[in-house]
Amino acid sequence: MIRAATQADIPAILDLWNLAIRETLITFNTVEKSPDDVADAIRDYDAFLVAEHDGQVIGFAALFPFRAGAGYAHTKEHSIMISPNARGQGSGRALMAALETAARDLGVHSMIAGVSASNPDGKPFHAAIGFETVGRVNEAGRKFDQWHDLVLMQKKL
């Protein structure tokens, strides 16, 4: 089931997000999220959705501004994270379909994915759901004592 995130989901979202921060190159962030960070994101992002299976949150997707300024109002960036044991079972696709619906309802024209080039699943996942590679920022992030490139992917809605 895909639904809007609530304050009750904060512990599960924290577990997923902070695991990715600590152990993966899905994100270049190195500082773990706090409960207040997640509460603020649920409240302030354009959309914040969770995937739930058997009463457990197994993933989330969030939609937020790509850049500041009125000229960018119709372009949004997103984040998506799925529990490692839930990957490959369709929850990511379901989250993204729901997020795209929310984006369309907001009048979004273009969605952007900033994908770590060191994340082997990120680029193929986004390509499979219609995102195209539009750029690469070399050595955009540093994590685990190495530089990593950022691949920019876009889907026009």
C-alpha atoms as a PDB file:
ATOM      1  CA  MET A   1       0.000   0.000   0.000  1.00  0.00           C
ATOM      2  CA  ILE A   2       1.214   3.506  -0.860  1.00  0.00           C
ATOM      3  CA  ARG A   3       0.050   6.353   1.364  1.00  0.00           C
ATOM      4  CA  ALA A   4       1.056   9.751   2.688  1.00  0.00           C
ATOM      5  CA  ALA A   5       3.645   9.620   5.450  1.00  0.00           C
ATOM      6  CA  THR A   6       2.531  10.509   8.962  1.00  0.00           C
ATOM      7  CA  GLN A   7       4.353  11.419  12.137  1.00  0.00           C
ATOM      8  CA  ALA A   8       3.893   7.799  13.265  1.00  0.00           C
ATOM      9  CA  ASP A   9       6.151   6.726  10.378  1.00  0.00           C
ATOM     10  CA  ILE A  10       9.136   8.747  11.577  1.00  0.00           C
ATOM     11  CA  PRO A  11      10.969   5.851  13.317  1.00  0.00           C
ATOM     12  CA  ALA A  12      10.698   3.568  10.277  1.00  0.00           C
ATOM     13  CA  ILE A  13      11.714   6.358   7.871  1.00  0.00           C
ATOM     14  CA  LEU A  14      14.672   7.193  10.118  1.00  0.00           C
ATOM     15  CA  ASP A  15      15.783   3.553  10.058  1.00  0.00           C
ATOM     16  CA  LEU A  16      15.728   3.423   6.241  1.00  0.00           C
ATOM     17  CA  TRP A  17      17.255   6.842   5.660  1.00  0.00           C
ATOM     18  CA  ASN A  18      19.992   6.548   8.251  1.00  0.00           C
ATOM     19  CA  LEU A  19      20.951   3.058   7.076  1.00  0.00           C
ATOM     20  CA  ALA A  20      21.443   4.506   3.584  1.00  0.00           C
ATOM     21  CA  ILE A  21      23.472   7.397   5.000  1.00  0.00           C
ATOM     22  CA  ARG A  22      25.690   5.140   7.135  1.00  0.00           C
ATOM     23  CA  GLU A  23      26.261   2.233   4.776  1.00  0.00           C
ATOM     24  CA  THR A  24      25.603   3.123   1.133  1.00  0.00           C
ATOM     25  CA  LEU A  25      26.364   5.495  -1.699  1.00  0.00           C
ATOM     26  CA  ILE A  26      22.664   5.974  -2.458  1.00  0.00           C
ATOM     27  CA  THR A  27      23.104   9.378  -0.862  1.00  0.00           C
ATOM     28  CA  PHE A  28      26.219  11.488  -0.430  1.00  0.00           C
ATOM     29  CA  ASN A  29      24.932  12.752   2.916  1.00  0.00           C
ATOM     30  CA  THR A  30      27.117  11.737   5.832  1.00  0.00           C
ATOM     31  CA  VAL A  31      25.097  13.230   8.691  1.00  0.00           C
ATOM     32  CA  GLU A  32      22.235  11.060   9.915  1.00  0.00           C
ATOM     33  CA  LYS A  33      18.715  12.459  10.010  1.00  0.00           C
ATOM     34  CA  SER A  34      17.025  13.288  13.310  1.00  0.00           C
ATOM     35  CA  PRO A  35      13.362  12.781  14.141  1.00  0.00           C
ATOM     36  CA  ASP A  36      12.884  16.543  13.716  1.00  0.00           C
ATOM     37  CA  ASP A  37      14.496  16.418  10.245  1.00  0.00           C
ATOM     38  CA  VAL A  38      12.012  13.773   9.137  1.00  0.00           C
ATOM     39  CA  ALA A  39       9.066  15.545  10.762  1.00  0.00           C
ATOM     40  CA  ASP A  40      10.041  18.735   8.924  1.00  0.00           C
ATOM     41  CA  ALA A  41      10.330  16.858   5.617  1.00  0.00           C
ATOM     42  CA  ILE A  42       6.925  15.224   6.031  1.00  0.00           C
ATOM     43  CA  ARG A  43       5.421  18.639   6.764  1.00  0.00           C
ATOM     44  CA  ASP A  44       7.341  20.787   4.279  1.00  0.00           C
ATOM     45  CA  TYR A  45       8.042  18.690   1.172  1.00  0.00           C
ATOM     46  CA  ASP A  46       5.611  18.855  -1.732  1.00  0.00           C
ATOM     47  CA  ALA A  47       4.811  15.166  -1.169  1.00  0.00           C
ATOM     48  CA  PHE A  48       6.162  12.505   1.169  1.00  0.00           C
ATOM     49  CA  LEU A  49       4.862   8.978   0.607  1.00  0.00           C
ATOM     50  CA  VAL A  50       5.550   5.610   2.187  1.00  0.00           C
ATOM     51  CA  ALA A  51       5.167   2.059   0.931  1.00  0.00           C
ATOM     52  CA  GLU A  52       3.749  -0.264   3.540  1.00  0.00           C
ATOM     53  CA  HIS A  53       3.619  -4.066   3.551  1.00  0.00           C
ATOM     54  CA  ASP A  54       2.068  -6.104   6.352  1.00  0.00           C
ATOM     55  CA  GLY A  55       1.892  -2.980   8.502  1.00  0.00           C
ATOM     56  CA  GLN A  56       5.586  -2.146   8.085  1.00  0.00           C
ATOM     57  CA  VAL A  57       7.053   0.816   6.199  1.00  0.00           C
ATOM     58  CA  ILE A  58       9.348  -0.680   3.553  1.00  0.00           C
ATOM     59  CA  GLY A  59      10.183   2.464   1.600  1.00  0.00           C
ATOM     60  CA  PHE A  60       9.542   6.130   1.029  1.00  0.00           C
ATOM     61  CA  ALA A  61       9.606   8.690  -1.744  1.00  0.00           C
ATOM     62  CA  ALA A  62       9.622  12.458  -1.410  1.00  0.00           C
ATOM     63  CA  LEU A  63       9.115  15.343  -3.815  1.00  0.00           C
ATOM     64  CA  PHE A  64      10.728  18.722  -3.204  1.00  0.00           C
ATOM     65  CA  PRO A  65      11.955  21.829  -5.054  1.00  0.00           C
ATOM     66  CA  PHE A  66      14.744  21.294  -7.557  1.00  0.00           C
ATOM     67  CA  ARG A  67      16.092  24.799  -7.129  1.00  0.00           C
ATOM     68  CA  ALA A  68      14.934  28.023  -5.521  1.00  0.00           C
ATOM     69  CA  GLY A  69      13.212  30.670  -7.576  1.00  0.00           C
ATOM     70  CA  ALA A  70       9.873  31.036  -9.297  1.00  0.00           C
ATOM     71  CA  GLY A  71      11.250  29.963 -12.664  1.00  0.00           C
ATOM     72  CA  TYR A  72      11.885  26.465 -11.279  1.00  0.00           C
ATOM     73  CA  ALA A  73       8.421  26.031  -9.737  1.00  0.00           C
ATOM     74  CA  HIS A  74       7.374  23.377 -12.279  1.00  0.00           C
ATOM     75  CA  THR A  75      10.509  21.248 -11.853  1.00  0.00           C
ATOM     76  CA  LYS A  76      10.867  19.052  -8.779  1.00  0.00           C
ATOM     77  CA  GLU A  77      13.520  16.695  -7.499  1.00  0.00           C
ATOM     78  CA  HIS A  78      12.792  13.509  -5.635  1.00  0.00           C
ATOM     79  CA  SER A  79      14.334  10.954  -3.319  1.00  0.00           C
ATOM     80  CA  ILE A  80      13.356   7.328  -3.052  1.00  0.00           C
ATOM     81  CA  MET A  81      14.612   4.677  -0.657  1.00  0.00           C
ATOM     82  CA  ILE A  82      13.484   1.084  -0.346  1.00  0.00           C
ATOM     83  CA  SER A  83      14.383  -1.362   2.398  1.00  0.00           C
ATOM     84  CA  PRO A  84      17.133  -3.693   1.151  1.00  0.00           C
ATOM     85  CA  ASN A  85      14.950  -6.762   1.733  1.00  0.00           C
ATOM     86  CA  ALA A  86      12.055  -5.222  -0.228  1.00  0.00           C
ATOM     87  CA  ARG A  87      13.920  -4.273  -3.398  1.00  0.00           C
ATOM     88  CA  GLY A  88      12.915  -5.808  -6.690  1.00  0.00           C
ATOM     89  CA  GLN A  89       9.344  -6.492  -5.588  1.00  0.00           C
ATOM     90  CA  GLY A  90       7.575  -3.502  -7.147  1.00  0.00           C
ATOM     91  CA  SER A  91       7.332  -1.135  -4.192  1.00  0.00           C
ATOM     92  CA  GLY A  92       9.749   1.346  -5.783  1.00  0.00           C
ATOM     93  CA  ARG A  93       7.747   1.459  -8.986  1.00  0.00           C
ATOM     94  CA  ALA A  94       4.518   1.861  -7.013  1.00  0.00           C
ATOM     95  CA  LEU A  95       5.998   4.696  -4.953  1.00  0.00           C
ATOM     96  CA  MET A  96       7.252   6.485  -8.051  1.00  0.00           C
ATOM     97  CA  ALA A  97       3.905   6.091  -9.849  1.00  0.00           C
ATOM     98  CA  ALA A  98       2.132   7.630  -6.858  1.00  0.00           C
ATOM     99  CA  LEU A  99       4.757  10.381  -6.587  1.00  0.00           C
ATOM    100  CA  GLU A 100       4.357  11.202 -10.276  1.00  0.00           C
ATOM    101  CA  THR A 101       0.590  11.431  -9.785  1.00  0.00           C
ATOM    102  CA  ALA A 102       1.130  13.832  -6.878  1.00  0.00           C
ATOM    103  CA  ALA A 103       3.559  15.838  -9.009  1.00  0.00           C
ATOM    104  CA  ARG A 104       1.097  16.081 -11.890  1.00  0.00           C
ATOM    105  CA  ASP A 105      -1.612  17.210  -9.460  1.00  0.00           C
ATOM    106  CA  LEU A 106       0.763  20.015  -8.393  1.00  0.00           C
ATOM    107  CA  GLY A 107       1.346  21.091 -11.992  1.00  0.00           C
ATOM    108  CA  VAL A 108       4.888  19.729 -12.163  1.00  0.00           C
ATOM    109  CA  HIS A 109       6.267  19.546 -15.699  1.00  0.00           C
ATOM    110  CA  SER A 110       9.595  17.844 -15.029  1.00  0.00           C
ATOM    111  CA  MET A 111      10.975  15.527 -12.352  1.00  0.00           C
ATOM    112  CA  ILE A 112      14.704  15.299 -11.652  1.00  0.00           C
ATOM    113  CA  ALA A 113      16.613  12.393 -10.136  1.00  0.00           C
ATOM    114  CA  GLY A 114      20.070  13.045  -8.781  1.00  0.00           C
ATOM    115  CA  VAL A 115      21.530   9.533  -8.857  1.00  0.00           C
ATOM    116  CA  SER A 116      24.879   8.577  -7.395  1.00  0.00           C
ATOM    117  CA  ALA A 117      26.957   7.030 -10.162  1.00  0.00           C
ATOM    118  CA  SER A 118      28.259   4.694  -7.446  1.00  0.00           C
ATOM    119  CA  ASN A 119      24.736   3.341  -6.813  1.00  0.00           C
ATOM    120  CA  PRO A 120      24.486   0.393  -9.222  1.00  0.00           C
ATOM    121  CA  ASP A 121      20.687   0.170  -9.005  1.00  0.00           C
ATOM    122  CA  GLY A 122      19.717   3.841  -9.199  1.00  0.00           C
ATOM    123  CA  LYS A 123      20.278   4.593 -12.860  1.00  0.00           C
ATOM    124  CA  PRO A 124      18.719   1.351 -14.240  1.00  0.00           C
ATOM    125  CA  PHE A 125      15.706   1.766 -11.941  1.00  0.00           C
ATOM    126  CA  HIS A 126      15.049   5.312 -13.110  1.00  0.00           C
ATOM    127  CA  ALA A 127      15.635   4.427 -16.772  1.00  0.00           C
ATOM    128  CA  ALA A 128      13.111   1.585 -16.470  1.00  0.00           C
ATOM    129  CA  ILE A 129      10.419   4.034 -15.345  1.00  0.00           C
ATOM    130  CA  GLY A 130      11.061   6.576 -18.074  1.00  0.00           C
ATOM    131  CA  PHE A 131      13.833   8.840 -16.802  1.00  0.00           C
ATOM    132  CA  GLU A 132      16.565   9.849 -19.252  1.00  0.00           C
ATOM    133  CA  THR A 133      20.139  10.772 -18.395  1.00  0.00           C
ATOM    134  CA  VAL A 134      20.609  14.484 -19.063  1.00  0.00           C
ATOM    135  CA  GLY A 135      23.936  15.170 -17.385  1.00  0.00           C
ATOM    136  CA  ARG A 136      26.727  14.163 -15.092  1.00  0.00           C
ATOM    137  CA  VAL A 137      28.499  16.202 -12.450  1.00  0.00           C
ATOM    138  CA  ASN A 138      31.937  14.711 -11.963  1.00  0.00           C
ATOM    139  CA  GLU A 139      33.159  14.349  -8.389  1.00  0.00           C
ATOM    140  CA  ALA A 140      30.062  16.081  -7.024  1.00  0.00           C
ATOM    141  CA  GLY A 141      30.075  14.221  -3.716  1.00  0.00           C
ATOM    142  CA  ARG A 142      32.591  12.851  -1.288  1.00  0.00           C
ATOM    143  CA  LYS A 143      31.836   9.885   0.921  1.00  0.00           C
ATOM    144  CA  PHE A 144      33.849   7.002   2.355  1.00  0.00           C
ATOM    145  CA  ASP A 145      37.049   8.907   1.480  1.00  0.00           C
ATOM    146  CA  GLN A 146      36.322   8.854  -2.247  1.00  0.00           C
ATOM    147  CA  TRP A 147      34.882  11.227  -4.841  1.00  0.00           C
ATOM    148  CA  HIS A 148      31.647  10.177  -6.553  1.00  0.00           C
ATOM    149  CA  ASP A 149      29.868  11.463  -9.641  1.00  0.00           C
ATOM    150  CA  LEU A 150      26.244  12.550  -9.712  1.00  0.00           C
ATOM    151  CA  VAL A 151      24.114  11.509 -12.691  1.00  0.00           C
ATOM    152  CA  LEU A 152      21.170  13.790 -13.436  1.00  0.00           C
ATOM    153  CA  MET A 153      18.109  12.097 -14.883  1.00  0.00           C
ATOM    154  CA  GLN A 154      14.865  13.737 -15.976  1.00  0.00           C
ATOM    155  CA  LYS A 155      11.322  12.706 -16.768  1.00  0.00           C
ATOM    156  CA  LYS A 156       8.897  15.123 -18.342  1.00  0.00           C
ATOM    157  CA  LEU A 157       5.389  14.596 -17.086  1.00  0.00           C
END
